[in-house]
Amino acid sequence: MPKYMYSGNYTEKGAAGLLKDGGKARYTEAERVINEMGGSLESYYWTYGSMDFFMVLDLPSEDVAIKFALFVGASGVFSGNLTPLITVEQMDSAHAADLPSMRLPGE
């Protein structure tokens, strides 16, 4: 199952909702929705600095991940980033792939 990191920042409305309902409610809802999509929630953290939260999740397909990101992004309560996570095995497979010779910009 593909693994993703979803990270983002709350809008004023989203931060107000988090303050009202608390962290456990947000975690529980994220876990419920991800499970109903056929996936699983590996971890969920809040942060401070350049982003407000991130979670690592498994989803059954890239299509489901894209639709999830679009739906959540359209909510207006936070802006998010969906990042596919690459395993060691996937990196080694990519490393072994052949590429044609190519002229890079400026060469």
Protein backbone atom coordinates (compact mmCIF):
# COMPACT_ATOMS: atom_id res chain seq x y z
CA MET A 1 0.00 0.00 0.00
CA PRO A 2 1.46 3.42 -0.89
CA LYS A 3 2.65 5.49 2.07
CA TYR A 4 2.24 9.28 2.25
CA MET A 5 3.00 12.16 4.55
CA TYR A 6 0.24 14.73 4.76
CA SER A 7 1.35 18.00 6.34
CA GLY A 8 -0.20 21.40 6.57
CA ASN A 9 -1.15 24.59 8.32
CA TYR A 10 -4.42 25.57 9.94
CA THR A 11 -6.37 28.59 8.83
CA GLU A 12 -7.94 30.77 11.54
CA LYS A 13 -11.11 28.68 11.28
CA GLY A 14 -9.17 25.42 11.53
CA ALA A 15 -7.15 26.58 14.55
CA ALA A 16 -10.37 27.68 16.25
CA GLY A 17 -11.85 24.22 15.64
CA LEU A 18 -8.78 22.54 17.09
CA LEU A 19 -8.95 24.77 20.17
CA LYS A 20 -12.67 24.00 20.56
CA ASP A 21 -12.54 20.21 20.05
CA GLY A 22 -9.01 19.30 21.15
CA GLY A 23 -6.33 17.12 19.64
CA LYS A 24 -7.86 13.72 20.43
CA ALA A 25 -11.00 14.59 18.45
CA ARG A 26 -8.92 15.61 15.41
CA TYR A 27 -6.80 12.45 15.62
CA THR A 28 -9.87 10.21 16.02
CA GLU A 29 -11.61 11.76 13.00
CA ALA A 30 -8.49 11.48 10.82
CA GLU A 31 -8.08 7.82 11.81
CA ARG A 32 -11.77 7.07 11.15
CA VAL A 33 -11.74 8.63 7.68
CA ILE A 34 -8.45 7.00 6.65
CA ASN A 35 -9.68 3.59 7.84
CA GLU A 36 -12.94 4.02 5.89
CA MET A 37 -10.87 4.78 2.76
CA GLY A 38 -9.20 1.38 3.21
CA GLY A 39 -6.01 2.81 4.64
CA SER A 40 -4.32 3.15 8.00
CA LEU A 41 -2.93 6.02 10.05
CA GLU A 42 0.64 5.29 11.15
CA SER A 43 1.32 8.51 13.06
CA TYR A 44 -0.10 11.99 13.67
CA TYR A 45 1.85 14.89 15.15
CA TRP A 46 1.40 18.59 15.72
CA THR A 47 4.41 20.81 15.26
CA TYR A 48 5.41 24.43 15.50
CA GLY A 49 7.53 26.28 13.01
CA SER A 50 6.88 26.09 9.28
CA MET A 51 3.97 23.61 9.57
CA ASP A 52 1.25 22.96 12.12
CA PHE A 53 0.80 19.19 11.77
CA PHE A 54 1.78 16.10 9.85
CA MET A 55 0.61 12.54 9.62
CA VAL A 56 1.99 9.42 7.98
CA LEU A 57 -0.63 7.21 6.39
CA ASP A 58 -1.07 4.26 4.09
CA LEU A 59 -3.74 4.55 1.40
CA PRO A 60 -4.89 1.88 -1.05
CA SER A 61 -4.07 3.87 -4.20
CA GLU A 62 -2.67 7.11 -5.54
CA ASP A 63 -6.15 8.04 -6.79
CA VAL A 64 -7.56 7.83 -3.26
CA ALA A 65 -4.64 9.91 -1.94
CA ILE A 66 -5.21 12.62 -4.55
CA LYS A 67 -8.96 12.77 -3.90
CA PHE A 68 -8.32 12.94 -0.14
CA ALA A 69 -5.90 15.85 -0.59
CA LEU A 70 -8.33 17.70 -2.86
CA PHE A 71 -11.27 17.20 -0.50
CA VAL A 72 -9.36 18.33 2.57
CA GLY A 73 -7.79 21.26 0.70
CA ALA A 74 -11.21 22.45 -0.45
CA SER A 75 -12.47 22.55 3.15
CA GLY A 76 -10.81 25.88 3.85
CA VAL A 77 -9.81 24.88 7.40
CA PHE A 78 -6.19 24.16 6.52
CA SER A 79 -3.82 24.06 3.60
CA GLY A 80 -1.99 20.81 3.11
CA ASN A 81 0.75 19.03 1.23
CA LEU A 82 0.56 15.42 0.12
CA THR A 83 4.03 13.86 -0.13
CA PRO A 84 4.58 10.30 -1.39
CA LEU A 85 7.11 8.48 0.79
CA ILE A 86 9.76 6.33 -0.93
CA THR A 87 11.03 3.13 0.67
CA VAL A 88 14.64 1.96 0.54
CA GLU A 89 13.59 -0.77 -1.90
CA GLN A 90 11.84 1.72 -4.18
CA MET A 91 14.91 3.98 -4.14
CA ASP A 92 17.17 1.06 -5.07
CA SER A 93 14.81 0.07 -7.88
CA ALA A 94 14.80 3.65 -9.18
CA HIS A 95 18.57 3.80 -8.87
CA ALA A 96 18.86 0.72 -11.11
CA ALA A 97 16.56 2.14 -13.82
CA ASP A 98 18.16 3.04 -17.15
CA LEU A 99 17.76 6.54 -18.56
CA PRO A 100 18.60 7.68 -22.07
CA SER A 101 21.38 10.20 -22.49
CA MET A 102 19.97 13.71 -22.43
CA ARG A 103 21.15 17.27 -22.88
CA LEU A 104 20.41 19.31 -19.77
CA PRO A 105 19.47 23.00 -19.95
CA GLY A 106 22.49 25.16 -20.76
CA GLU A 107 24.61 22.32 -22.12
